[in-house]
Protein backbone atom coordinates (compact mmCIF):
# COMPACT_ATOMS: atom_id res chain seq x y z
CA MET A 1 8.19 77.27 -18.98
CA PRO A 2 11.87 77.26 -20.18
CA ALA A 3 14.38 78.41 -17.63
CA SER A 4 17.76 79.12 -16.06
CA SER A 5 21.13 78.53 -17.64
CA GLU A 6 22.18 75.16 -16.25
CA PRO A 7 24.58 73.05 -18.35
CA ALA A 8 23.38 69.74 -19.67
CA GLY A 9 23.69 67.06 -17.05
CA ASP A 10 23.06 69.42 -14.14
CA SER A 11 19.78 70.87 -12.88
CA PRO A 12 17.31 71.10 -15.76
CA LEU A 13 15.85 74.28 -17.15
CA ASN A 14 12.42 75.04 -15.79
CA PRO A 15 9.35 73.65 -17.61
CA LEU A 16 7.61 75.37 -20.49
CA ALA A 17 3.90 74.63 -20.75
CA ALA A 18 2.31 72.94 -23.73
CA ARG A 19 1.08 74.87 -26.71
CA PRO A 20 -1.45 72.89 -28.74
CA PRO A 21 -1.33 73.45 -32.52
CA LEU A 22 -3.87 75.69 -34.30
CA THR A 23 -3.99 78.21 -31.46
CA LEU A 24 -1.80 81.25 -30.99
CA PRO A 25 1.08 80.82 -30.82
CA ALA A 26 0.54 78.45 -33.74
CA THR A 27 3.27 76.18 -35.02
CA PHE A 28 3.22 75.87 -38.80
CA GLY A 29 5.77 75.92 -41.58
CA PRO A 30 9.56 75.52 -41.45
CA PRO A 31 11.41 76.57 -38.28
CA ASP A 32 12.10 80.32 -37.97
CA ALA A 33 10.57 81.16 -41.34
CA GLY A 34 9.60 84.77 -42.00
CA GLU A 35 8.52 87.70 -39.85
CA GLY A 36 5.53 88.02 -37.54
CA PRO A 37 3.34 85.11 -36.45
CA VAL A 38 3.77 81.65 -37.95
CA LEU A 39 0.59 81.17 -40.00
CA PRO A 40 -1.16 78.11 -41.44
CA PRO A 41 -1.41 77.95 -45.24
CA GLY A 42 -4.54 78.83 -47.18
CA LEU A 43 -5.82 81.69 -45.01
CA ALA A 44 -7.80 84.55 -46.52
CA LEU A 45 -6.27 88.04 -46.31
CA GLU A 46 -8.79 89.14 -43.67
CA GLU A 47 -7.94 86.10 -41.51
CA ILE A 48 -4.23 86.85 -41.81
CA GLU A 49 -4.79 90.45 -40.72
CA VAL A 50 -6.81 89.31 -37.71
CA LEU A 51 -4.04 86.91 -36.66
CA ARG A 52 -1.36 89.56 -37.17
CA ASP A 53 -3.32 92.06 -35.07
CA ARG A 54 -3.77 89.47 -32.33
CA TYR A 55 -0.05 88.63 -32.50
CA GLU A 56 0.83 92.30 -31.95
CA ARG A 57 -1.56 92.56 -29.00
CA LEU A 58 -0.38 89.39 -27.27
CA THR A 59 3.36 90.03 -27.61
CA VAL A 60 5.62 92.87 -26.45
CA PRO A 61 8.50 94.61 -28.27
CA VAL A 62 12.04 93.74 -27.16
CA THR A 63 15.21 95.42 -28.46
CA PHE A 64 18.81 94.23 -28.40
CA GLY A 65 21.05 97.28 -28.47
CA GLU A 66 20.28 98.88 -31.83
CA SER A 67 18.55 95.77 -33.19
CA GLY A 68 14.81 95.16 -33.15
CA PRO A 69 12.19 95.47 -32.01
CA TYR A 70 11.37 91.78 -31.91
CA ARG A 71 8.02 90.41 -30.69
CA PHE A 72 8.25 88.31 -27.52
CA MET A 73 5.59 86.37 -25.65
CA ILE A 74 5.18 86.97 -21.92
CA ASP A 75 5.21 83.55 -20.28
CA THR A 76 4.55 83.43 -16.53
CA GLY A 77 5.16 79.68 -16.62
CA SER A 78 8.71 80.01 -17.91
CA GLN A 79 11.59 80.50 -15.51
CA ALA A 80 13.96 81.85 -18.18
CA THR A 81 13.88 84.17 -21.14
CA VAL A 82 14.25 82.34 -24.46
CA LEU A 83 15.42 83.37 -27.94
CA THR A 84 14.70 81.68 -31.24
CA HIS A 85 17.49 80.47 -33.50
CA ARG A 86 16.55 83.07 -36.13
CA VAL A 87 16.94 86.00 -33.72
CA SER A 88 20.21 84.57 -32.41
CA ASN A 89 21.52 84.26 -35.96
CA GLU A 90 20.50 87.82 -36.83
CA LEU A 91 22.23 89.13 -33.71
CA GLN A 92 25.28 86.92 -34.42
CA LEU A 93 25.31 85.57 -30.88
CA GLN A 94 27.94 83.03 -29.95
CA PRO A 95 27.07 79.69 -28.29
CA VAL A 96 28.10 79.25 -24.65
CA GLY A 97 27.29 75.59 -24.17
CA ARG A 98 24.23 73.41 -23.78
CA GLY A 99 21.48 73.16 -21.18
CA MET A 100 18.68 70.73 -20.39
CA LEU A 101 15.28 72.33 -20.98
CA VAL A 102 12.25 70.74 -19.34
CA ALA A 103 9.03 71.22 -21.32
CA THR A 104 5.54 69.97 -20.54
CA GLY A 105 5.90 66.80 -22.55
CA SER A 106 9.66 66.27 -22.79
CA ARG A 107 13.11 67.29 -21.64
CA LYS A 108 15.89 67.85 -24.16
CA PRO A 109 19.32 69.51 -24.34
CA VAL A 110 19.30 72.87 -26.14
CA ASP A 111 21.93 75.37 -27.27
CA MET A 112 22.63 78.34 -24.99
CA VAL A 113 23.79 81.84 -25.94
CA GLU A 114 24.72 84.91 -23.91
CA VAL A 115 22.94 88.19 -24.62
CA ALA A 116 25.04 91.27 -23.83
CA GLU A 117 22.00 93.58 -23.48
CA PHE A 118 18.28 93.68 -24.12
CA GLN A 119 15.50 96.07 -23.19
CA PHE A 120 11.72 96.08 -22.76
CA ALA A 121 9.20 98.04 -20.65
CA ASN A 122 11.89 100.65 -19.89
CA ARG A 123 14.08 98.03 -18.26
CA TYR A 124 17.56 96.93 -19.26
CA PHE A 125 19.10 93.50 -18.76
CA TYR A 126 22.78 92.64 -19.17
CA GLY A 127 24.78 89.45 -19.57
CA VAL A 128 21.82 87.06 -19.69
CA ARG A 129 22.29 83.43 -20.78
CA THR A 130 19.28 82.10 -22.65
CA PRO A 131 18.32 78.79 -24.31
CA LEU A 132 17.45 78.67 -28.01
CA LEU A 133 14.27 77.24 -29.50
CA TYR A 134 12.67 77.29 -32.95
CA LYS A 135 10.08 79.92 -33.79
CA ALA A 136 7.83 77.28 -35.35
CA HIS A 137 7.54 75.70 -31.89
CA VAL A 138 7.34 78.95 -29.90
CA GLY A 139 5.13 81.07 -32.15
CA ALA A 140 7.05 84.34 -31.56
CA ASP A 141 10.59 85.74 -31.75
CA GLY A 142 11.20 84.75 -28.16
CA ILE A 143 9.81 84.36 -24.66
CA LEU A 144 10.08 86.69 -21.69
CA GLY A 145 10.28 84.43 -18.66
CA LEU A 146 10.22 84.93 -14.92
CA ASP A 147 13.85 86.05 -14.81
CA SER A 148 12.73 89.19 -16.71
CA LEU A 149 9.40 89.74 -14.92
CA GLN A 150 10.41 90.15 -11.27
CA ASP A 151 9.06 93.37 -9.65
CA LEU A 152 6.70 93.81 -12.61
CA ARG A 153 2.96 93.43 -13.03
CA VAL A 154 1.68 91.42 -16.01
CA LEU A 155 -1.83 92.39 -17.13
CA LEU A 156 -4.02 90.08 -19.21
CA ASP A 157 -6.86 92.20 -20.57
CA PHE A 158 -9.30 89.87 -22.32
CA ARG A 159 -11.74 92.68 -23.05
CA GLU A 160 -9.11 94.23 -25.32
CA ASN A 161 -7.43 90.90 -26.15
CA ARG A 162 -4.12 92.38 -25.05
CA ILE A 163 -1.24 91.51 -22.72
CA SER A 164 1.01 94.18 -21.22
CA VAL A 165 3.66 94.64 -18.55
CA ALA A 166 4.52 97.56 -16.28
CA ASP A 167 6.54 98.31 -13.16
CA ALA A 168 4.47 97.09 -10.22
CA HIS A 169 4.81 100.46 -8.47
CA ASP A 170 3.52 102.32 -11.54
CA ALA A 171 0.65 99.94 -12.29
CA ALA A 172 -3.00 100.93 -11.99
CA PRO A 173 -4.56 100.63 -8.50
CA ASP A 174 -6.14 97.38 -7.32
CA SER A 175 -9.61 98.85 -6.79
CA GLY A 176 -10.97 97.62 -10.14
CA TYR A 177 -10.45 93.93 -9.26
CA GLU A 178 -13.09 91.91 -7.43
CA ILE A 179 -10.80 89.20 -6.04
CA VAL A 180 -7.18 89.39 -4.88
CA VAL A 181 -5.31 86.15 -4.12
CA ARG A 182 -1.90 85.88 -2.50
CA ALA A 183 0.40 83.29 -4.06
CA ARG A 184 3.50 81.43 -2.90
CA ARG A 185 6.77 81.74 -4.80
CA LYS A 186 8.68 78.58 -5.72
CA LEU A 187 11.58 78.56 -8.18
CA GLY A 188 10.28 81.93 -9.34
CA GLN A 189 6.81 80.53 -10.04
CA MET A 190 3.67 82.10 -8.59
CA ILE A 191 1.67 79.17 -7.16
CA ILE A 192 -1.83 79.42 -5.66
CA THR A 193 -1.84 76.77 -2.94
CA ASN A 194 -5.38 77.04 -1.55
CA ALA A 195 -7.39 76.18 -4.68
CA ARG A 196 -9.79 73.23 -4.84
CA ILE A 197 -10.88 71.21 -7.87
CA ASP A 198 -14.00 69.16 -7.15
CA GLY A 199 -13.12 69.43 -3.46
CA VAL A 200 -9.49 68.31 -3.91
CA ARG A 201 -6.91 70.81 -2.66
CA THR A 202 -4.78 71.67 -5.69
CA ALA A 203 -1.73 73.81 -6.43
CA VAL A 204 -2.49 76.14 -9.37
CA ILE A 205 0.14 77.72 -11.62
CA ILE A 206 -1.08 80.66 -13.72
CA ASP A 207 0.65 80.17 -17.08
CA THR A 208 0.21 82.80 -19.79
CA GLY A 209 2.34 80.71 -22.16
CA ALA A 210 0.06 77.67 -22.09
CA GLN A 211 -2.99 77.62 -24.34
CA ALA A 212 -4.54 74.62 -22.56
CA SER A 213 -4.61 73.56 -18.91
CA VAL A 214 -2.58 70.50 -17.90
CA GLY A 215 -3.06 68.48 -14.71
CA ASN A 216 -0.73 65.95 -13.11
CA ARG A 217 -1.47 62.31 -12.38
CA ALA A 218 -1.78 62.95 -8.63
CA LEU A 219 -4.77 65.20 -9.31
CA GLN A 220 -6.22 62.73 -11.79
CA ARG A 221 -6.08 59.92 -9.23
CA ARG A 222 -7.81 62.03 -6.59
CA LEU A 223 -10.61 63.08 -8.96
CA ARG A 224 -11.30 59.47 -9.94
CA GLY A 225 -12.86 60.48 -13.22
CA ARG A 226 -13.92 57.83 -15.71
CA ASN A 227 -14.95 59.68 -18.85
CA TYR A 228 -11.76 60.84 -20.57
CA GLN A 229 -11.26 62.00 -24.13
CA LYS A 230 -7.98 61.02 -25.73
CA GLY A 231 -6.02 63.96 -27.09
CA SER A 232 -2.54 65.31 -27.71
CA ALA A 233 -0.57 68.52 -27.35
CA THR A 234 2.77 69.81 -28.63
CA ASP A 235 5.42 71.38 -26.39
CA VAL A 236 8.10 73.93 -27.29
CA HIS A 237 10.51 71.21 -28.38
CA GLY A 238 7.95 70.25 -31.02
CA HIS A 239 7.34 67.02 -29.09
CA GLU A 240 3.78 65.70 -29.28
CA PHE A 241 2.52 64.03 -26.11
CA LYS A 242 -0.71 62.29 -25.17
CA THR A 243 -3.33 63.80 -22.87
CA GLU A 244 -6.55 62.59 -21.27
CA LEU A 245 -9.13 65.38 -21.29
CA HIS A 246 -11.52 65.64 -18.35
CA TYR A 247 -14.05 68.35 -17.43
CA ALA A 248 -13.87 69.10 -13.71
CA ASP A 249 -17.18 70.18 -12.23
CA GLU A 250 -15.70 73.05 -10.25
CA LEU A 251 -12.48 74.98 -9.67
CA ARG A 252 -12.62 77.19 -6.59
CA ILE A 253 -10.01 79.80 -5.60
CA GLU A 254 -11.15 81.43 -2.36
CA SER A 255 -14.53 82.98 -3.25
CA LEU A 256 -13.99 82.54 -6.99
CA GLN A 257 -15.64 79.63 -8.76
CA LEU A 258 -15.29 78.19 -12.29
CA GLN A 259 -17.45 75.34 -13.55
CA SER A 260 -16.94 72.70 -16.28
CA VAL A 261 -13.18 73.26 -16.35
CA PRO A 262 -11.31 71.37 -19.14
CA ILE A 263 -8.04 69.79 -17.93
CA GLY A 264 -5.74 67.56 -19.97
CA PHE A 265 -3.91 65.05 -17.76
CA ALA A 266 -0.42 64.00 -18.81
CA ASP A 267 2.85 62.52 -17.55
CA SER A 268 4.64 65.87 -17.49
CA PRO A 269 8.22 66.43 -16.28
CA ALA A 270 7.19 70.03 -15.51
CA PHE A 271 5.50 69.01 -12.26
CA GLU A 272 8.43 66.87 -11.16
CA HIS A 273 10.81 69.80 -11.70
CA LEU A 274 8.66 72.02 -9.48
CA GLY A 275 8.40 69.39 -6.77
CA LEU A 276 4.67 68.99 -7.45
CA ASP A 277 4.69 65.49 -8.89
CA ASP A 278 3.21 63.81 -5.80
CA GLN A 279 0.55 66.38 -4.91
CA PRO A 280 -2.47 67.49 -6.96
CA ALA A 281 -1.44 70.35 -9.26
CA VAL A 282 -2.59 72.01 -12.47
CA ILE A 283 -1.06 74.43 -14.95
CA LEU A 284 -3.93 76.80 -15.69
CA GLY A 285 -3.69 77.86 -19.34
CA MET A 286 -5.23 80.59 -21.42
CA ASN A 287 -8.31 78.55 -22.40
CA ASN A 288 -9.52 78.82 -18.79
CA LEU A 289 -7.99 82.20 -17.95
CA ARG A 290 -10.09 83.78 -20.70
CA ALA A 291 -13.16 83.21 -18.53
CA PHE A 292 -12.16 86.44 -16.76
CA GLU A 293 -12.18 89.99 -18.09
CA ARG A 294 -8.76 90.83 -16.65
CA ILE A 295 -6.04 89.13 -14.64
CA ALA A 296 -3.08 91.00 -13.13
CA ILE A 297 -0.07 89.05 -11.85
CA ASP A 298 1.95 91.20 -9.45
CA PHE A 299 5.37 89.65 -8.90
CA ALA A 300 6.51 92.34 -6.47
CA THR A 301 3.76 91.59 -3.94
CA ARG A 302 3.05 87.93 -4.89
CA ARG A 303 -0.59 88.69 -5.63
CA ILE A 304 -2.90 87.64 -8.45
CA LEU A 305 -5.88 89.92 -9.12
CA PHE A 306 -9.03 88.80 -10.93
CA ASP A 307 -11.63 90.99 -12.64
CA LEU A 308 -14.84 89.04 -13.22
CA PRO A 309 -17.05 89.38 -16.30
CA ARG A 310 -20.01 91.68 -15.89
CA SER A 311 -22.31 88.66 -16.22
CA ALA A 312 -20.58 86.79 -13.38
CA SER A 313 -23.21 87.76 -10.83
CA THR A 314 -25.87 86.07 -12.96
CA ARG A 315 -23.61 83.04 -13.65
CA ALA A 316 -24.02 83.54 -17.39
CA GLU A 317 -22.78 80.97 -19.86
CA LEU A 318 -19.30 81.52 -21.30
CA GLN A 319 -17.78 80.22 -24.52
CA PRO A 320 -17.67 76.43 -25.10
CA GLY A 321 -14.30 74.76 -24.62
CA ARG A 322 -13.48 76.98 -21.66
CA ALA A 323 -14.76 77.00 -18.12
CA SER A 324 -18.48 77.32 -18.87
CA ARG A 325 -19.70 79.28 -15.85
CA ILE A 326 -18.19 81.71 -13.43
CA GLY A 327 -19.45 82.98 -10.12
CA PHE A 328 -18.57 83.80 -6.55
């Protein structure tokens, strides 16, 4: 979740959730090398085409005046829109100082630039200051953060493996969604405050930029788990940090229930920045969000809409490595 344009030494930029390697967006090769997704070496042509197709589906086109389109990720965990160094160099943008960017595993000062104009989803933005990161760590040409998503609806369609964005007033009606949850807004984030993980009341952040779910130490202490698997993840600074993986028995959001939910616990500055360091909280990443068929995040009305898999009523098994059962 990278964020607003605060100079280094002042309030930090908002956190950007972890992106483990070997999942889209992957982080291979030299920084900002080439067009399209950053790919691991040695892939067959068919594998490359599959990854390129997925890259197109999970990013949106963004133009800068007459330049572009560039492919940007939609990140509901990021407070600010972010450019990569390569795009900034191509657009010949001038630096406007430095800012402190808080990522899931680290906080570091980054270069800032000012974008005169950019456009996506029939919307225009002017005079936006954005931090710069490397494409090898981001996995796309840039990130569309919460500052660009207000009054919009973000749709994650896992049936079509596609992410899209539209004006909330023009979006499809809510009738196709089984469960609608109202969220609270904090620093631009949409936070579900009435969730429970193994009976522990937990704040949940829906983060489309995070491949894996990350929990804070306050939640870990309350769960009192003993069987942890040591692991690691890499944030958008390229910083690798340690995690302790635990499978929660149940995540419940109102009448919605997920079982065997993988959560990696870490000492993350992201929670501190959001004021959630001392209360149980989790950043819910794409590995668990894919348990649903569709999720719509409506920033205009502060609602999150869930469309359950057709097998949900029979509590059918889902793919390993994600929440293994779903029901209500």
